[in-house]
Amino acid sequence: MDVENTDLERRVLAHEWILQVLIAHMSEAEPKFLERLQQTFIEKLHPGSSEHDYTDTLEYAHQFIDQVARLKATPHIDP
């Protein structure tokens, strides 16, 4: 794999991780926040479901939100 591609992949993964932690923290302050995300991206059928990559995109959203839920459920360890 090209060095630029692996650098880009690491940057995207870092942003994903930051967003997951941020959303987990936000959902602690606003308990229904995660529930609304799940309803929006998991439970509802979106228009455009006939698009070729729609299922893949929805699956990524599902995995992302599942990871946020796991982060929220994990006890926090203070340094």
N, C-alpha and C. Protein backbone atom coordinates (compact mmCIF):
# COMPACT_ATOMS: atom_id res chain seq x y z
N MET A 1 0.84 -1.17 0.00
CA MET A 1 0.00 0.00 0.00
C MET A 1 0.89 1.24 0.00
N ASP A 2 0.46 2.23 -0.72
CA ASP A 2 1.20 3.47 -0.83
C ASP A 2 1.26 4.21 0.51
N VAL A 3 2.37 4.87 0.78
CA VAL A 3 2.56 5.58 2.05
C VAL A 3 1.48 6.64 2.25
N GLU A 4 1.12 7.35 1.18
CA GLU A 4 0.08 8.37 1.30
C GLU A 4 -1.26 7.74 1.68
N ASN A 5 -1.57 6.57 1.14
CA ASN A 5 -2.83 5.89 1.46
C ASN A 5 -2.86 5.45 2.92
N THR A 6 -1.75 4.91 3.41
CA THR A 6 -1.74 4.47 4.81
C THR A 6 -1.80 5.67 5.75
N ASP A 7 -1.17 6.77 5.37
CA ASP A 7 -1.25 7.99 6.18
C ASP A 7 -2.69 8.48 6.22
N LEU A 8 -3.34 8.51 5.09
CA LEU A 8 -4.74 8.94 5.02
C LEU A 8 -5.63 8.01 5.84
N GLU A 9 -5.39 6.72 5.75
CA GLU A 9 -6.18 5.75 6.52
C GLU A 9 -6.02 5.99 8.02
N ARG A 10 -4.80 6.22 8.48
CA ARG A 10 -4.57 6.49 9.91
C ARG A 10 -5.26 7.77 10.34
N ARG A 11 -5.22 8.80 9.49
CA ARG A 11 -5.89 10.06 9.82
C ARG A 11 -7.40 9.87 9.91
N VAL A 12 -7.98 9.14 8.98
CA VAL A 12 -9.42 8.89 9.00
C VAL A 12 -9.80 8.10 10.24
N LEU A 13 -9.02 7.08 10.58
CA LEU A 13 -9.30 6.29 11.78
C LEU A 13 -9.18 7.12 13.05
N ALA A 14 -8.22 8.03 13.08
CA ALA A 14 -8.08 8.91 14.24
C ALA A 14 -9.29 9.82 14.37
N HIS A 15 -9.77 10.37 13.26
CA HIS A 15 -10.96 11.22 13.30
C HIS A 15 -12.18 10.42 13.72
N GLU A 16 -12.29 9.20 13.25
CA GLU A 16 -13.41 8.35 13.64
C GLU A 16 -13.40 8.10 15.15
N TRP A 17 -12.24 7.81 15.69
CA TRP A 17 -12.10 7.55 17.12
C TRP A 17 -12.47 8.79 17.94
N ILE A 18 -11.98 9.95 17.50
CA ILE A 18 -12.29 11.21 18.19
C ILE A 18 -13.80 11.46 18.18
N LEU A 19 -14.43 11.26 17.04
CA LEU A 19 -15.87 11.47 16.95
C LEU A 19 -16.64 10.50 17.85
N GLN A 20 -16.22 9.25 17.89
CA GLN A 20 -16.89 8.27 18.74
C GLN A 20 -16.80 8.66 20.21
N VAL A 21 -15.64 9.07 20.65
CA VAL A 21 -15.46 9.47 22.05
C VAL A 21 -16.28 10.73 22.34
N LEU A 22 -16.25 11.68 21.44
CA LEU A 22 -17.01 12.92 21.61
C LEU A 22 -18.51 12.63 21.71
N ILE A 23 -19.02 11.78 20.84
CA ILE A 23 -20.45 11.45 20.87
C ILE A 23 -20.78 10.69 22.14
N ALA A 24 -19.90 9.81 22.59
CA ALA A 24 -20.14 9.09 23.85
C ALA A 24 -20.23 10.06 25.01
N HIS A 25 -19.35 11.06 25.05
CA HIS A 25 -19.39 12.08 26.11
C HIS A 25 -20.67 12.91 26.02
N MET A 26 -21.05 13.28 24.80
CA MET A 26 -22.27 14.06 24.61
C MET A 26 -23.49 13.29 25.07
N SER A 27 -23.48 11.99 24.83
CA SER A 27 -24.65 11.18 25.21
C SER A 27 -24.74 10.99 26.73
N GLU A 28 -23.65 11.20 27.44
CA GLU A 28 -23.72 11.17 28.91
C GLU A 28 -24.49 12.38 29.42
N ALA A 29 -24.28 13.52 28.80
CA ALA A 29 -24.97 14.75 29.20
C ALA A 29 -26.41 14.77 28.68
N GLU A 30 -26.63 14.18 27.53
CA GLU A 30 -27.95 14.15 26.90
C GLU A 30 -28.27 12.69 26.56
N PRO A 31 -28.88 11.96 27.50
CA PRO A 31 -29.09 10.52 27.34
C PRO A 31 -29.83 10.10 26.06
N LYS A 32 -30.71 10.93 25.55
CA LYS A 32 -31.46 10.55 24.35
C LYS A 32 -30.68 10.79 23.06
N PHE A 33 -29.50 11.38 23.16
CA PHE A 33 -28.71 11.70 21.98
C PHE A 33 -28.34 10.43 21.19
N LEU A 34 -27.83 9.44 21.88
CA LEU A 34 -27.45 8.18 21.22
C LEU A 34 -28.68 7.48 20.65
N GLU A 35 -29.77 7.52 21.38
CA GLU A 35 -31.01 6.91 20.91
C GLU A 35 -31.47 7.56 19.60
N ARG A 36 -31.37 8.89 19.51
CA ARG A 36 -31.75 9.59 18.28
C ARG A 36 -30.83 9.21 17.12
N LEU A 37 -29.55 9.05 17.39
CA LEU A 37 -28.62 8.62 16.33
C LEU A 37 -28.99 7.23 15.83
N GLN A 38 -29.31 6.34 16.77
CA GLN A 38 -29.69 4.98 16.39
C GLN A 38 -30.96 4.99 15.55
N GLN A 39 -31.92 5.80 15.92
CA GLN A 39 -33.16 5.88 15.14
C GLN A 39 -32.90 6.44 13.75
N THR A 40 -32.03 7.40 13.66
CA THR A 40 -31.75 8.03 12.37
C THR A 40 -30.97 7.13 11.43
N PHE A 41 -29.94 6.47 11.96
CA PHE A 41 -29.03 5.73 11.08
C PHE A 41 -29.22 4.22 11.09
N ILE A 42 -29.95 3.69 12.03
CA ILE A 42 -30.07 2.24 12.10
C ILE A 42 -31.50 1.77 11.87
N GLU A 43 -32.43 2.36 12.58
CA GLU A 43 -33.78 1.82 12.60
C GLU A 43 -34.64 2.23 11.42
N LYS A 44 -34.33 3.31 10.74
CA LYS A 44 -35.16 3.79 9.65
C LYS A 44 -34.57 3.40 8.30
N LEU A 45 -35.46 3.17 7.35
CA LEU A 45 -35.04 2.93 5.99
C LEU A 45 -34.90 4.28 5.31
N HIS A 46 -33.75 4.55 4.73
CA HIS A 46 -33.48 5.85 4.13
C HIS A 46 -33.84 5.84 2.65
N PRO A 47 -34.25 7.00 2.14
CA PRO A 47 -34.46 7.09 0.70
C PRO A 47 -33.14 6.85 -0.03
N GLY A 48 -33.22 6.29 -1.19
CA GLY A 48 -32.00 6.00 -1.94
C GLY A 48 -31.44 4.63 -1.64
N SER A 49 -32.24 3.78 -1.01
CA SER A 49 -31.73 2.46 -0.65
C SER A 49 -31.43 1.59 -1.86
N SER A 50 -31.85 2.03 -3.03
CA SER A 50 -31.57 1.25 -4.23
C SER A 50 -30.17 1.54 -4.77
N GLU A 51 -29.49 2.53 -4.21
CA GLU A 51 -28.13 2.84 -4.66
C GLU A 51 -27.21 1.66 -4.37
N HIS A 52 -26.22 1.51 -5.20
CA HIS A 52 -25.33 0.36 -5.11
C HIS A 52 -24.63 0.24 -3.75
N ASP A 53 -24.13 1.34 -3.21
CA ASP A 53 -23.35 1.27 -1.97
C ASP A 53 -24.16 1.62 -0.73
N TYR A 54 -25.46 1.72 -0.83
CA TYR A 54 -26.29 2.15 0.30
C TYR A 54 -26.16 1.21 1.48
N THR A 55 -26.25 -0.08 1.28
CA THR A 55 -26.15 -1.03 2.38
C THR A 55 -24.81 -0.92 3.07
N ASP A 56 -23.75 -0.80 2.31
CA ASP A 56 -22.42 -0.67 2.91
C ASP A 56 -22.32 0.59 3.77
N THR A 57 -22.85 1.70 3.30
CA THR A 57 -22.81 2.94 4.05
C THR A 57 -23.61 2.80 5.34
N LEU A 58 -24.78 2.21 5.25
CA LEU A 58 -25.61 2.01 6.42
C LEU A 58 -24.91 1.09 7.43
N GLU A 59 -24.23 0.09 6.95
CA GLU A 59 -23.50 -0.82 7.84
C GLU A 59 -22.37 -0.08 8.56
N TYR A 60 -21.67 0.79 7.85
CA TYR A 60 -20.62 1.59 8.51
C TYR A 60 -21.22 2.47 9.60
N ALA A 61 -22.36 3.09 9.33
CA ALA A 61 -23.03 3.91 10.34
C ALA A 61 -23.42 3.06 11.54
N HIS A 62 -23.93 1.88 11.28
CA HIS A 62 -24.33 0.97 12.36
C HIS A 62 -23.12 0.60 13.22
N GLN A 63 -22.01 0.25 12.59
CA GLN A 63 -20.79 -0.11 13.33
C GLN A 63 -20.28 1.08 14.15
N PHE A 64 -20.32 2.27 13.57
CA PHE A 64 -19.86 3.47 14.25
C PHE A 64 -20.68 3.71 15.51
N ILE A 65 -22.00 3.66 15.39
CA ILE A 65 -22.89 3.92 16.52
C ILE A 65 -22.78 2.82 17.56
N ASP A 66 -22.60 1.58 17.13
CA ASP A 66 -22.38 0.48 18.09
C ASP A 66 -21.11 0.73 18.91
N GLN A 67 -20.08 1.21 18.26
CA GLN A 67 -18.83 1.50 18.98
C GLN A 67 -19.03 2.64 19.98
N VAL A 68 -19.82 3.65 19.61
CA VAL A 68 -20.13 4.74 20.54
C VAL A 68 -20.85 4.18 21.75
N ALA A 69 -21.82 3.29 21.53
CA ALA A 69 -22.57 2.69 22.64
C ALA A 69 -21.63 1.89 23.55
N ARG A 70 -20.66 1.18 22.97
CA ARG A 70 -19.69 0.43 23.79
C ARG A 70 -18.82 1.37 24.60
N LEU A 71 -18.39 2.47 23.97
CA LEU A 71 -17.57 3.45 24.69
C LEU A 71 -18.34 4.06 25.85
N LYS A 72 -19.61 4.35 25.62
CA LYS A 72 -20.44 4.94 26.68
C LYS A 72 -20.63 3.95 27.83
N ALA A 73 -20.72 2.68 27.51
CA ALA A 73 -20.97 1.65 28.54
C ALA A 73 -19.69 1.29 29.30
N THR A 74 -18.53 1.63 28.77
CA THR A 74 -17.26 1.30 29.41
C THR A 74 -17.02 2.24 30.59
N PRO A 75 -16.72 1.70 31.76
CA PRO A 75 -16.42 2.57 32.90
C PRO A 75 -15.20 3.44 32.61
N HIS A 76 -15.27 4.67 33.03
CA HIS A 76 -14.16 5.60 32.81
C HIS A 76 -13.07 5.41 33.87
N ILE A 77 -11.86 5.46 33.41
CA ILE A 77 -10.71 5.36 34.33
C ILE A 77 -10.02 6.71 34.31
N ASP A 78 -10.03 7.38 35.45
CA ASP A 78 -9.37 8.67 35.54
C ASP A 78 -7.89 8.49 35.81
N PRO A 79 -7.04 9.29 35.11
CA PRO A 79 -5.58 9.16 35.32
C PRO A 79 -5.16 9.64 36.68
